[in-house]
C-alpha atoms as a PDB file:
ATOM      1  CA  MET A   1     -17.196  -4.127 -22.881  1.00  0.00           C
ATOM      2  CA  ALA A   2     -14.406  -3.933 -21.214  1.00  0.00           C
ATOM      3  CA  GLU A   3     -12.640  -0.396 -19.399  1.00  0.00           C
ATOM      4  CA  GLU A   4      -8.993   0.211 -19.746  1.00  0.00           C
ATOM      5  CA  THR A   5      -7.736   1.073 -16.487  1.00  0.00           C
ATOM      6  CA  THR A   6      -4.393   3.586 -15.993  1.00  0.00           C
ATOM      7  CA  ASN A   7      -2.255   4.011 -12.942  1.00  0.00           C
ATOM      8  CA  ALA A   8      -1.790   7.104 -13.996  1.00  0.00           C
ATOM      9  CA  PRO A   9      -3.194  10.159 -12.316  1.00  0.00           C
ATOM     10  CA  GLU A  10      -6.183  11.729 -13.346  1.00  0.00           C
ATOM     11  CA  GLU A  11      -5.695  15.559 -15.126  1.00  0.00           C
ATOM     12  CA  GLY A  12      -5.643  17.935 -12.322  1.00  0.00           C
ATOM     13  CA  GLU A  13      -4.940  15.134  -9.427  1.00  0.00           C
ATOM     14  CA  ALA A  14      -1.675  16.106  -7.860  1.00  0.00           C
ATOM     15  CA  THR A  15       0.157  12.893  -6.435  1.00  0.00           C
ATOM     16  CA  LYS A  16       2.617  13.769  -3.642  1.00  0.00           C
ATOM     17  CA  LEU A  17       4.978  11.175  -2.655  1.00  0.00           C
ATOM     18  CA  SER A  18       7.229  11.986   0.486  1.00  0.00           C
ATOM     19  CA  GLY A  19      10.283   9.869  -1.609  1.00  0.00           C
ATOM     20  CA  GLU A  20      10.572   8.056   2.001  1.00  0.00           C
ATOM     21  CA  LYS A  21      10.126   4.086   1.037  1.00  0.00           C
ATOM     22  CA  ILE A  22       9.781   1.086   3.237  1.00  0.00           C
ATOM     23  CA  MET A  23      10.587  -2.763   3.033  1.00  0.00           C
ATOM     24  CA  CYS A  24       6.883  -4.650   2.372  1.00  0.00           C
ATOM     25  CA  PHE A  25       6.831  -7.123   5.110  1.00  0.00           C
ATOM     26  CA  VAL A  26       5.148  -9.529   2.393  1.00  0.00           C
ATOM     27  CA  SER A  27       7.000  -9.069  -0.637  1.00  0.00           C
ATOM     28  CA  LYS A  28      10.438  -7.511   0.988  1.00  0.00           C
ATOM     29  CA  GLN A  29      10.187  -4.851  -2.090  1.00  0.00           C
ATOM     30  CA  MET A  30      11.464  -1.474  -1.471  1.00  0.00           C
ATOM     31  CA  VAL A  31       8.046   0.679  -2.132  1.00  0.00           C
ATOM     32  CA  PRO A  32       6.960   4.161  -1.196  1.00  0.00           C
ATOM     33  CA  ILE A  33       5.474   4.207   2.357  1.00  0.00           C
ATOM     34  CA  GLU A  34       2.233   5.958   0.994  1.00  0.00           C
ATOM     35  CA  GLU A  35       1.228   2.819  -1.063  1.00  0.00           C
ATOM     36  CA  THR A  36       1.603   0.321   2.070  1.00  0.00           C
ATOM     37  CA  ILE A  37      -0.630  -0.280   5.527  1.00  0.00           C
ATOM     38  CA  GLU A  38       0.195  -0.954   8.591  1.00  0.00           C
ATOM     39  CA  LEU A  39      -1.236  -4.210  10.318  1.00  0.00           C
ATOM     40  CA  GLU A  40      -0.951  -5.287  13.974  1.00  0.00           C
ATOM     41  CA  VAL A  41       0.411  -8.732  13.732  1.00  0.00           C
ATOM     42  CA  GLN A  42       0.841  -9.350  17.282  1.00  0.00           C
ATOM     43  CA  GLU A  43      -0.260  -7.165  20.138  1.00  0.00           C
ATOM     44  CA  HIS A  44       2.980  -4.956  20.018  1.00  0.00           C
ATOM     45  CA  LYS A  45       4.266  -5.415  16.482  1.00  0.00           C
ATOM     46  CA  LYS A  46       2.898  -3.850  13.746  1.00  0.00           C
ATOM     47  CA  VAL A  47       4.017  -4.448   9.637  1.00  0.00           C
ATOM     48  CA  ARG A  48       3.813  -2.843   6.357  1.00  0.00           C
ATOM     49  CA  VAL A  49       2.471  -4.205   3.867  1.00  0.00           C
ATOM     50  CA  LEU A  50       0.798  -3.297  -0.093  1.00  0.00           C
ATOM     51  CA  PRO A  51      -3.084  -3.727  -0.137  1.00  0.00           C
ATOM     52  CA  LYS A  52      -2.598  -6.555  -1.943  1.00  0.00           C
ATOM     53  CA  TYR A  53      -1.452  -8.404   0.263  1.00  0.00           C
ATOM     54  CA  VAL A  54      -4.348  -8.109   2.832  1.00  0.00           C
ATOM     55  CA  LYS A  55      -6.456 -11.462   3.267  1.00  0.00           C
ATOM     56  CA  TYR A  56      -9.102 -10.509   5.917  1.00  0.00           C
ATOM     57  CA  ASP A  57     -10.482  -7.205   6.710  1.00  0.00           C
ATOM     58  CA  GLN A  58      -9.406  -5.310   9.801  1.00  0.00           C
ATOM     59  CA  ASP A  59     -12.348  -4.441  11.279  1.00  0.00           C
ATOM     60  CA  ALA A  60     -13.419  -7.534  12.342  1.00  0.00           C
END
């Protein structure tokens, strides 16, 4: 049996967004900054992407 998943917050769970949007480096879409992850692509260059575009674990 497959379980249904929803993106809606659970009852009693508060989701606070700052309202600030940023452009995802990969998709070029404007998304809330809270939904992105900051990655360092070069020594002094950092970009923000959606988690679904992270291919490798950055801890390695």
